[in-house]
Amino acid sequence: MKALILGLVIIAAAVCAVLPAGLNWRGDVLTFLRGALPVIAAFIGLIAAFIGIADIKDRAEAKKEAKNEKSEE
């Protein structure tokens, strides 16, 4: 419960920092997001590739096990 409340407080602070009536950091936040977006996209792509490779390996292992079970019967 404490973590939920803390998270909501931090989100509210971030929203207030971006608003013009608050700290007016909107331009800085947008500049950061423009610079960070390609890096974030590269990490997401790398993670997706690793997941795909693991999936291919799992399917190959499942085929081997199915083949071994049929040969044992």
C-alpha atoms as a PDB file:
ATOM      1  CA  MET A   1       0.000   0.000   0.000  1.00  0.00           C
ATOM      2  CA  LYS A   2       2.866   2.358   0.811  1.00  0.00           C
ATOM      3  CA  ALA A   3       4.427   1.702  -2.582  1.00  0.00           C
ATOM      4  CA  LEU A   4       1.160   2.529  -4.344  1.00  0.00           C
ATOM      5  CA  ILE A   5       0.793   5.824  -2.503  1.00  0.00           C
ATOM      6  CA  LEU A   6       4.430   6.719  -3.121  1.00  0.00           C
ATOM      7  CA  GLY A   7       4.027   5.918  -6.809  1.00  0.00           C
ATOM      8  CA  LEU A   8       0.950   8.129  -7.089  1.00  0.00           C
ATOM      9  CA  VAL A   9       2.754  10.993  -5.325  1.00  0.00           C
ATOM     10  CA  ILE A  10       5.722  10.697  -7.689  1.00  0.00           C
ATOM     11  CA  ILE A  11       3.439  10.635 -10.749  1.00  0.00           C
ATOM     12  CA  ALA A  12       1.627  13.738  -9.463  1.00  0.00           C
ATOM     13  CA  ALA A  13       4.958  15.511  -8.913  1.00  0.00           C
ATOM     14  CA  ALA A  14       6.076  14.624 -12.429  1.00  0.00           C
ATOM     15  CA  VAL A  15       2.837  15.962 -13.911  1.00  0.00           C
ATOM     16  CA  CYS A  16       3.164  19.179 -11.893  1.00  0.00           C
ATOM     17  CA  ALA A  17       6.743  19.611 -13.100  1.00  0.00           C
ATOM     18  CA  VAL A  18       5.643  19.461 -16.740  1.00  0.00           C
ATOM     19  CA  LEU A  19       2.649  21.797 -16.416  1.00  0.00           C
ATOM     20  CA  PRO A  20       3.180  25.476 -17.330  1.00  0.00           C
ATOM     21  CA  ALA A  21       1.887  26.567 -13.903  1.00  0.00           C
ATOM     22  CA  GLY A  22       4.427  24.281 -12.209  1.00  0.00           C
ATOM     23  CA  LEU A  23       8.112  24.085 -13.080  1.00  0.00           C
ATOM     24  CA  ASN A  24       7.399  24.296 -16.833  1.00  0.00           C
ATOM     25  CA  TRP A  25       9.880  21.567 -17.761  1.00  0.00           C
ATOM     26  CA  ARG A  26       7.833  20.511 -20.796  1.00  0.00           C
ATOM     27  CA  GLY A  27      10.519  21.485 -23.323  1.00  0.00           C
ATOM     28  CA  ASP A  28      13.249  19.738 -21.381  1.00  0.00           C
ATOM     29  CA  VAL A  29      11.148  16.593 -21.003  1.00  0.00           C
ATOM     30  CA  LEU A  30      10.356  16.518 -24.724  1.00  0.00           C
ATOM     31  CA  THR A  31      14.038  16.999 -25.601  1.00  0.00           C
ATOM     32  CA  PHE A  32      14.972  14.125 -23.310  1.00  0.00           C
ATOM     33  CA  LEU A  33      12.294  11.872 -24.809  1.00  0.00           C
ATOM     34  CA  ARG A  34      13.413  12.683 -28.363  1.00  0.00           C
ATOM     35  CA  GLY A  35      16.973  11.708 -27.458  1.00  0.00           C
ATOM     36  CA  ALA A  36      16.074   8.648 -25.426  1.00  0.00           C
ATOM     37  CA  LEU A  37      13.490   7.183 -27.800  1.00  0.00           C
ATOM     38  CA  PRO A  38      15.985   5.582 -30.228  1.00  0.00           C
ATOM     39  CA  VAL A  39      17.919   4.039 -27.341  1.00  0.00           C
ATOM     40  CA  ILE A  40      14.739   2.692 -25.747  1.00  0.00           C
ATOM     41  CA  ALA A  41      13.605   1.328 -29.127  1.00  0.00           C
ATOM     42  CA  ALA A  42      16.969  -0.422 -29.585  1.00  0.00           C
ATOM     43  CA  PHE A  43      16.691  -2.063 -26.149  1.00  0.00           C
ATOM     44  CA  ILE A  44      13.138  -3.198 -26.852  1.00  0.00           C
ATOM     45  CA  GLY A  45      14.261  -4.646 -30.183  1.00  0.00           C
ATOM     46  CA  LEU A  46      17.174  -6.435 -28.530  1.00  0.00           C
ATOM     47  CA  ILE A  47      14.909  -7.935 -25.878  1.00  0.00           C
ATOM     48  CA  ALA A  48      12.422  -9.031 -28.556  1.00  0.00           C
ATOM     49  CA  ALA A  49      15.228 -10.708 -30.496  1.00  0.00           C
ATOM     50  CA  PHE A  50      16.389 -12.597 -27.393  1.00  0.00           C
ATOM     51  CA  ILE A  51      12.833 -13.719 -26.693  1.00  0.00           C
ATOM     52  CA  GLY A  52      12.481 -14.889 -30.300  1.00  0.00           C
ATOM     53  CA  ILE A  53      15.706 -16.881 -30.133  1.00  0.00           C
ATOM     54  CA  ALA A  54      14.630 -18.490 -26.849  1.00  0.00           C
ATOM     55  CA  ASP A  55      11.259 -19.366 -28.400  1.00  0.00           C
ATOM     56  CA  ILE A  56      12.934 -21.034 -31.383  1.00  0.00           C
ATOM     57  CA  LYS A  57      15.168 -23.043 -29.033  1.00  0.00           C
ATOM     58  CA  ASP A  58      12.165 -24.093 -26.929  1.00  0.00           C
ATOM     59  CA  ARG A  59      10.262 -25.253 -30.004  1.00  0.00           C
ATOM     60  CA  ALA A  60      13.257 -27.277 -31.213  1.00  0.00           C
ATOM     61  CA  GLU A  61      13.588 -28.886 -27.771  1.00  0.00           C
ATOM     62  CA  ALA A  62       9.869 -29.697 -27.708  1.00  0.00           C
ATOM     63  CA  LYS A  63      10.136 -31.350 -31.132  1.00  0.00           C
ATOM     64  CA  LYS A  64      13.087 -33.443 -29.922  1.00  0.00           C
ATOM     65  CA  GLU A  65      11.164 -34.558 -26.835  1.00  0.00           C
ATOM     66  CA  ALA A  66       8.083 -35.411 -28.891  1.00  0.00           C
ATOM     67  CA  LYS A  67      10.232 -37.401 -31.306  1.00  0.00           C
ATOM     68  CA  ASN A  68      11.908 -39.269 -28.445  1.00  0.00           C
ATOM     69  CA  GLU A  69       8.551 -40.098 -26.850  1.00  0.00           C
ATOM     70  CA  LYS A  70       7.242 -41.520 -30.127  1.00  0.00           C
ATOM     71  CA  SER A  71      10.361 -43.622 -30.629  1.00  0.00           C
ATOM     72  CA  GLU A  72      10.100 -45.032 -27.094  1.00  0.00           C
ATOM     73  CA  GLU A  73       6.516 -46.173 -27.655  1.00  0.00           C
END
